[in-house]
Amino acid sequence: MTQPVDAALAARFAATALGHVTREYPNHIMHVLTGPEDARTPRDMHPIFFGSFDWHSCVHGWWTLFTLYRLHPDMAEAARIRELADTLFTPDAVAGEAAYLARPEARGFERPYGWAWLLMLAAELGRHETEEGRRWFETLRPLAQVFADRFKAFLPLADYPVRVGTHYNTAFALRLTLDYADAHDADLAAACRDAARRWHGGDRDCQAWEPSQDEFLSPALMEAELMRRVLAPDAYRTWFDAFLPRLAGGEPATLLSPARVSDRTDGKIAHLDGLNLSRGWCWRAIAASLPASEPLKAAAAAAAQRHLDVALPHVTGDYMGEHWLASFALLALLQPD
């Protein structure tokens, strides 16, 4: 079920992301005002991540661009990515982003979704072997450290997971954060694994009451994907069998069938395209973790394909989806099968 990100798809996704990471308006601002002096424009508050409709989408728009730049350094869009990154990813701009976070009112800004995506972005830059890639990584590192420190302070306080299918989902946040932590911060990696085990180690017989109308994550499958990353293979299989014990019989059926998207011009309803993409990512990862002799492997792979077939044609087309969906398509397509 290999679905490589070929040159044509990379060019399409890159052109789309280049069209929105510096598009300041429309913009959904997550900002606490303490007085009239705090009424500021997106670019004034966020010198790098001011586009893409909202801060977190701009962050993972840049993750999309840097990922495609690494995979296809000769594509026509590469020169523009490099030029724009050199313009925006500067020490002063990173300091400006950090200054916004230093406001007492910004303690919970973008927690946990934006935190995780910023660390995922840093993890991607850490994979680059070019001179400019290493420079971008070192430039962004102080901002990544801010969010790593925030996670390490927050996770011991978080007695409970958040199981919704939107930005507050903690399993998704930990899963992304581990890409950075495993490569760059052993203490953060340990904190993420400890939290995952505390929150989910005893979960059994998931009922999967989903999808909800505006979800872009599957609470059930996102938890399963996090635990796949956290547990050793044998321990994971034991956990997974207890978590979804009726899967061999096709239950919960909702996890195996793509969600319907009734209106892609509605930003919340368009989330469901993201749900199908992120489910495709999770199912591909779960399938890859199972031995070839396991009957569930084929079922998981088939479920992944169904979800991707439905969602991939709609990654671009309307701004309510295309300002963020390419990132979720890449998560799925780059998952080894």
Protein backbone atom coordinates (compact mmCIF):
# COMPACT_ATOMS: atom_id res chain seq x y z
CA MET A 1 0.00 0.00 0.00
CA THR A 2 2.93 2.32 -0.62
CA GLN A 3 1.84 5.86 -1.46
CA PRO A 4 5.03 7.82 -2.06
CA VAL A 5 5.02 11.59 -2.10
CA ASP A 6 6.07 11.90 -5.73
CA ALA A 7 7.32 15.08 -7.37
CA ALA A 8 3.93 16.12 -8.71
CA LEU A 9 2.20 15.74 -5.34
CA ALA A 10 5.08 17.47 -3.56
CA ALA A 11 4.83 20.42 -5.95
CA ARG A 12 1.08 20.65 -5.43
CA PHE A 13 1.35 20.60 -1.65
CA ALA A 14 4.31 23.00 -1.60
CA ALA A 15 2.61 25.52 -3.87
CA THR A 16 -0.47 25.42 -1.66
CA ALA A 17 1.50 25.92 1.56
CA LEU A 18 3.53 28.74 0.03
CA GLY A 19 0.23 30.40 -0.76
CA HIS A 20 -0.88 30.54 2.84
CA VAL A 21 2.05 30.62 5.32
CA THR A 22 2.42 34.38 4.68
CA ARG A 23 -1.28 35.06 4.09
CA GLU A 24 -2.10 37.11 7.17
CA TYR A 25 -5.85 37.40 6.66
CA PRO A 26 -8.37 35.96 7.34
CA ASN A 27 -6.95 35.09 10.74
CA HIS A 28 -8.36 33.36 13.80
CA ILE A 29 -6.42 34.81 16.72
CA MET A 30 -6.03 33.00 20.04
CA HIS A 31 -5.05 35.99 22.14
CA VAL A 32 -5.84 37.29 25.63
CA LEU A 33 -6.13 41.07 25.87
CA THR A 34 -5.39 42.74 29.20
CA GLY A 35 -5.98 46.23 27.84
CA PRO A 36 -6.35 48.21 24.59
CA GLU A 37 -2.60 48.13 24.07
CA ASP A 38 -2.85 44.37 23.49
CA ALA A 39 -4.98 44.82 20.36
CA ARG A 40 -2.34 43.87 17.81
CA THR A 41 -2.18 42.36 14.35
CA PRO A 42 -1.14 38.73 13.79
CA ARG A 43 2.21 39.69 12.27
CA ASP A 44 2.98 42.11 15.08
CA MET A 45 2.42 39.36 17.64
CA HIS A 46 3.98 36.52 15.65
CA PRO A 47 6.80 37.53 13.30
CA ILE A 48 7.13 34.02 11.82
CA PHE A 49 3.81 32.23 12.27
CA PHE A 50 1.33 34.94 11.29
CA GLY A 51 -0.30 33.27 8.28
CA SER A 52 -2.38 30.20 7.44
CA PHE A 53 -5.54 31.39 9.24
CA ASP A 54 -4.12 30.59 12.71
CA TRP A 55 -0.80 30.18 14.50
CA HIS A 56 -0.76 26.39 14.71
CA SER A 57 -1.71 25.92 11.06
CA CYS A 58 1.15 28.20 10.08
CA VAL A 59 3.53 26.11 12.15
CA HIS A 60 2.52 22.88 10.48
CA GLY A 61 2.37 24.63 7.12
CA TRP A 62 6.06 25.25 7.61
CA TRP A 63 6.52 21.61 8.66
CA THR A 64 4.95 20.67 5.34
CA LEU A 65 7.28 22.97 3.41
CA PHE A 66 10.46 21.86 5.17
CA THR A 67 9.48 18.19 4.83
CA LEU A 68 8.87 18.56 1.10
CA TYR A 69 12.07 20.57 0.74
CA ARG A 70 14.03 17.70 2.26
CA LEU A 71 12.30 15.06 0.15
CA HIS A 72 12.37 16.99 -3.14
CA PRO A 73 15.19 19.56 -2.98
CA ASP A 74 15.14 19.94 -6.78
CA MET A 75 11.46 20.83 -7.17
CA ALA A 76 10.69 24.25 -8.60
CA GLU A 77 9.20 25.42 -5.31
CA ALA A 78 12.40 24.66 -3.35
CA ALA A 79 14.03 27.99 -4.18
CA ARG A 80 11.02 29.91 -2.90
CA ILE A 81 10.91 27.82 0.29
CA ARG A 82 14.58 28.50 0.91
CA GLU A 83 14.23 32.23 0.22
CA LEU A 84 11.19 32.63 2.44
CA ALA A 85 12.70 30.59 5.26
CA ASP A 86 15.86 32.67 5.21
CA THR A 87 13.72 35.81 5.42
CA LEU A 88 11.50 34.67 8.29
CA PHE A 89 13.54 32.20 10.35
CA THR A 90 15.96 34.65 11.93
CA PRO A 91 17.15 34.96 15.54
CA ASP A 92 15.24 38.23 15.97
CA ALA A 93 12.00 36.69 14.69
CA VAL A 94 12.39 33.66 16.94
CA ALA A 95 13.01 36.00 19.86
CA GLY A 96 9.80 37.82 18.93
CA GLU A 97 7.81 34.59 19.01
CA ALA A 98 9.35 33.74 22.38
CA ALA A 99 8.56 37.21 23.73
CA TYR A 100 4.88 36.67 23.01
CA LEU A 101 4.99 33.40 24.93
CA ALA A 102 6.63 35.12 27.90
CA ARG A 103 3.42 37.08 28.57
CA PRO A 104 1.77 35.66 31.71
CA GLU A 105 -1.50 35.48 29.78
CA ALA A 106 0.14 33.18 27.21
CA ARG A 107 0.85 30.34 29.65
CA GLY A 108 -1.74 28.11 27.97
CA PHE A 109 -1.31 29.50 24.45
CA GLU A 110 -1.76 26.67 21.93
CA ARG A 111 -1.55 23.94 24.57
CA PRO A 112 -1.04 21.17 23.62
CA TYR A 113 -1.59 21.14 19.83
CA GLY A 114 0.57 24.09 18.84
CA TRP A 115 3.26 23.07 21.31
CA ALA A 116 3.50 19.66 19.71
CA TRP A 117 3.52 20.95 16.15
CA LEU A 118 6.32 23.43 16.92
CA LEU A 119 8.40 20.56 18.28
CA MET A 120 7.46 18.44 15.25
CA LEU A 121 8.71 21.29 13.06
CA ALA A 122 11.98 21.38 14.98
CA ALA A 123 12.28 17.60 14.67
CA GLU A 124 11.93 17.89 10.90
CA LEU A 125 14.63 20.53 10.68
CA GLY A 126 16.83 18.29 12.80
CA ARG A 127 16.68 15.71 10.01
CA HIS A 128 18.10 18.10 7.41
CA GLU A 129 21.71 17.52 6.47
CA THR A 130 22.21 20.66 4.38
CA GLU A 131 23.93 23.75 5.69
CA GLU A 132 20.76 25.82 5.54
CA GLY A 133 18.76 23.08 7.24
CA ARG A 134 21.17 22.97 10.16
CA ARG A 135 21.08 26.75 10.36
CA TRP A 136 17.28 26.83 10.45
CA PHE A 137 17.28 24.16 13.15
CA GLU A 138 19.72 26.05 15.36
CA THR A 139 17.77 29.26 14.84
CA LEU A 140 14.50 27.64 15.89
CA ARG A 141 16.01 25.67 18.78
CA PRO A 142 15.39 28.36 21.47
CA LEU A 143 11.67 28.38 20.64
CA ALA A 144 11.58 24.59 20.67
CA GLN A 145 13.18 24.70 24.12
CA VAL A 146 10.40 26.97 25.37
CA PHE A 147 7.78 24.42 24.40
CA ALA A 148 9.83 21.45 25.62
CA ASP A 149 10.09 23.15 29.00
CA ARG A 150 6.36 23.87 29.00
CA PHE A 151 5.56 20.23 28.38
CA LYS A 152 7.90 19.13 31.16
CA ALA A 153 6.19 21.54 33.57
CA PHE A 154 2.66 20.70 32.43
CA LEU A 155 2.65 16.90 32.16
CA PRO A 156 3.17 16.23 35.91
CA LEU A 157 0.16 18.48 36.57
CA ALA A 158 -2.07 16.75 34.00
CA ASP A 159 -3.84 14.07 35.99
CA TYR A 160 -6.15 13.21 33.11
CA PRO A 161 -5.87 12.91 29.32
CA VAL A 162 -8.03 14.92 26.96
CA ARG A 163 -9.78 12.49 24.61
CA VAL A 164 -11.57 14.85 22.22
CA GLY A 165 -10.95 14.72 18.48
CA THR A 166 -9.79 18.32 18.15
CA HIS A 167 -6.81 20.49 19.13
CA TYR A 168 -6.89 19.59 22.81
CA ASN A 169 -6.29 15.87 22.25
CA THR A 170 -3.33 14.94 24.42
CA ALA A 171 -2.50 11.64 22.69
CA PHE A 172 -1.87 13.44 19.39
CA ALA A 173 0.29 16.02 21.14
CA LEU A 174 2.46 13.40 22.84
CA ARG A 175 2.77 11.37 19.65
CA LEU A 176 4.14 14.35 17.72
CA THR A 177 6.30 15.52 20.60
CA LEU A 178 8.06 12.17 20.75
CA ASP A 179 9.50 12.77 17.28
CA TYR A 180 11.41 15.70 18.74
CA ALA A 181 12.02 14.34 22.21
CA ASP A 182 13.45 10.99 21.10
CA ALA A 183 16.04 12.80 19.01
CA HIS A 184 16.83 15.85 21.15
CA ASP A 185 15.49 15.71 24.73
CA ALA A 186 15.63 12.47 26.73
CA ASP A 187 13.92 14.03 29.77
CA LEU A 188 10.98 15.16 27.65
CA ALA A 189 10.75 11.73 26.02
CA ALA A 190 10.59 10.09 29.44
CA ALA A 191 7.92 12.53 30.60
CA CYS A 192 5.81 11.82 27.51
CA ARG A 193 6.05 8.05 27.95
CA ASP A 194 5.26 8.30 31.64
CA ALA A 195 2.16 10.38 30.91
CA ALA A 196 1.01 8.04 28.16
CA ARG A 197 1.29 5.01 30.44
CA ARG A 198 -0.49 6.79 33.30
CA TRP A 199 -3.30 7.97 31.08
CA HIS A 200 -3.83 4.99 28.83
CA GLY A 201 -2.04 1.92 30.11
CA GLY A 202 -5.20 0.51 31.66
CA ASP A 203 -7.66 1.45 28.91
CA ARG A 204 -9.81 -1.48 27.79
CA ASP A 205 -12.66 -2.19 25.35
CA CYS A 206 -12.83 1.19 23.66
CA GLN A 207 -16.36 1.99 22.50
CA ALA A 208 -15.24 4.61 19.95
CA TRP A 209 -18.12 7.07 20.18
CA GLU A 210 -17.03 8.90 17.06
CA PRO A 211 -16.95 10.79 14.83
CA SER A 212 -18.25 14.04 16.20
CA GLN A 213 -19.22 16.79 13.79
CA ASP A 214 -15.98 18.76 13.80
CA GLU A 215 -13.32 16.18 14.73
CA PHE A 216 -10.10 15.90 12.78
CA LEU A 217 -8.60 13.25 15.07
CA SER A 218 -9.94 9.87 16.13
CA PRO A 219 -9.75 9.75 19.93
CA ALA A 220 -9.56 5.95 19.77
CA LEU A 221 -7.01 5.52 17.00
CA MET A 222 -4.86 8.42 18.15
CA GLU A 223 -4.51 6.76 21.53
CA ALA A 224 -3.64 3.48 19.81
CA GLU A 225 -0.99 5.20 17.71
CA LEU A 226 0.54 6.88 20.74
CA MET A 227 0.75 3.60 22.63
CA ARG A 228 2.29 1.92 19.59
CA ARG A 229 5.08 4.47 19.86
CA VAL A 230 5.39 4.13 23.64
CA LEU A 231 5.26 0.37 24.20
CA ALA A 232 7.55 -2.44 23.10
CA PRO A 233 6.01 -4.54 20.27
CA ASP A 234 4.88 -7.49 22.41
CA ALA A 235 3.49 -5.24 25.12
CA TYR A 236 1.73 -3.15 22.50
CA ARG A 237 0.03 -6.14 20.95
CA THR A 238 -1.28 -7.21 24.37
CA TRP A 239 -2.49 -3.69 25.06
CA PHE A 240 -4.05 -3.28 21.60
CA ASP A 241 -5.95 -6.57 21.81
CA ALA A 242 -7.48 -5.42 25.10
CA PHE A 243 -8.14 -1.89 23.87
CA LEU A 244 -10.03 -3.00 20.73
CA PRO A 245 -11.00 -6.59 21.56
CA ARG A 246 -13.81 -6.81 18.99
CA LEU A 247 -11.85 -5.55 16.02
CA ALA A 248 -11.54 -8.99 14.40
CA GLY A 249 -15.33 -8.99 14.12
CA GLY A 250 -15.41 -5.55 12.53
CA GLU A 251 -16.29 -3.63 15.67
CA PRO A 252 -16.35 -0.74 16.41
CA ALA A 253 -17.50 -0.37 12.80
CA THR A 254 -17.22 3.41 12.93
CA LEU A 255 -13.42 3.17 13.07
CA LEU A 256 -13.33 1.26 9.80
CA SER A 257 -15.49 3.59 7.70
CA PRO A 258 -14.55 7.10 6.51
CA ALA A 259 -16.56 10.04 7.76
CA ARG A 260 -18.81 11.95 5.37
CA VAL A 261 -17.90 15.61 4.72
CA SER A 262 -21.07 17.49 3.83
CA ASP A 263 -19.67 21.01 3.28
CA ARG A 264 -15.99 21.74 2.69
CA THR A 265 -16.53 25.51 2.80
CA ASP A 266 -17.45 25.20 6.48
CA GLY A 267 -14.24 25.25 8.50
CA LYS A 268 -15.54 22.94 11.23
CA ILE A 269 -17.19 20.42 8.91
CA ALA A 270 -14.02 20.41 6.79
CA HIS A 271 -12.25 19.02 9.87
CA LEU A 272 -13.69 15.66 8.89
CA ASP A 273 -11.34 15.46 5.90
CA GLY A 274 -8.57 15.71 8.46
CA LEU A 275 -10.19 12.95 10.48
CA ASN A 276 -10.07 10.65 7.47
CA LEU A 277 -6.43 11.53 6.82
CA SER A 278 -5.35 11.10 10.43
CA ARG A 279 -7.23 7.81 10.67
CA GLY A 280 -5.40 6.71 7.54
CA TRP A 281 -2.11 7.59 9.25
CA CYS A 282 -3.02 5.67 12.41
CA TRP A 283 -4.30 2.60 10.57
CA ARG A 284 -1.17 2.46 8.42
CA ALA A 285 1.03 2.63 11.50
CA ILE A 286 -1.00 -0.04 13.29
CA ALA A 287 -0.91 -2.29 10.24
CA ALA A 288 2.86 -1.90 9.99
CA SER A 289 3.25 -2.95 13.63
CA LEU A 290 1.45 -6.28 13.13
CA PRO A 291 3.17 -9.43 11.85
CA ALA A 292 2.38 -10.61 8.32
CA SER A 293 0.59 -13.67 9.71
CA GLU A 294 -1.86 -11.55 11.71
CA PRO A 295 -5.32 -11.31 10.05
CA LEU A 296 -5.88 -7.86 11.54
CA LYS A 297 -2.94 -6.53 9.52
CA ALA A 298 -4.86 -6.73 6.25
CA ALA A 299 -7.98 -5.24 7.86
CA ALA A 300 -6.00 -2.30 9.23
CA ALA A 301 -4.29 -1.71 5.89
CA ALA A 302 -7.61 -1.83 4.06
CA ALA A 303 -9.16 0.64 6.49
CA ALA A 304 -6.23 2.99 5.97
CA GLN A 305 -6.66 2.84 2.21
CA ARG A 306 -10.39 3.51 2.39
CA HIS A 307 -9.85 6.63 4.46
CA LEU A 308 -7.07 7.95 2.25
CA ASP A 309 -8.96 7.30 -0.97
CA VAL A 310 -11.83 9.42 0.33
CA ALA A 311 -9.74 12.29 1.69
CA LEU A 312 -6.72 12.79 -0.56
CA PRO A 313 -8.65 14.33 -3.48
CA HIS A 314 -9.84 17.12 -1.16
CA VAL A 315 -6.57 18.28 0.40
CA THR A 316 -6.69 21.38 -1.79
CA GLY A 317 -9.64 23.24 -3.24
CA ASP A 318 -11.11 25.42 -0.49
CA TYR A 319 -9.13 27.59 1.93
CA MET A 320 -10.98 26.23 4.95
CA GLY A 321 -9.26 22.91 4.33
CA GLU A 322 -6.21 23.65 2.27
CA HIS A 323 -4.61 25.92 4.87
CA TRP A 324 -3.84 22.79 6.92
CA LEU A 325 -4.84 19.48 5.33
CA ALA A 326 -1.59 18.85 3.43
CA SER A 327 0.19 18.33 6.75
CA PHE A 328 -2.18 15.55 7.70
CA ALA A 329 -1.91 14.01 4.25
CA LEU A 330 1.87 13.90 4.68
CA LEU A 331 1.60 12.27 8.11
CA ALA A 332 -0.32 9.45 6.44
CA LEU A 333 1.66 9.17 3.23
CA LEU A 334 5.05 9.20 4.94
CA GLN A 335 4.06 6.48 7.40
CA PRO A 336 5.90 3.31 6.30
CA ASP A 337 3.53 0.47 5.47
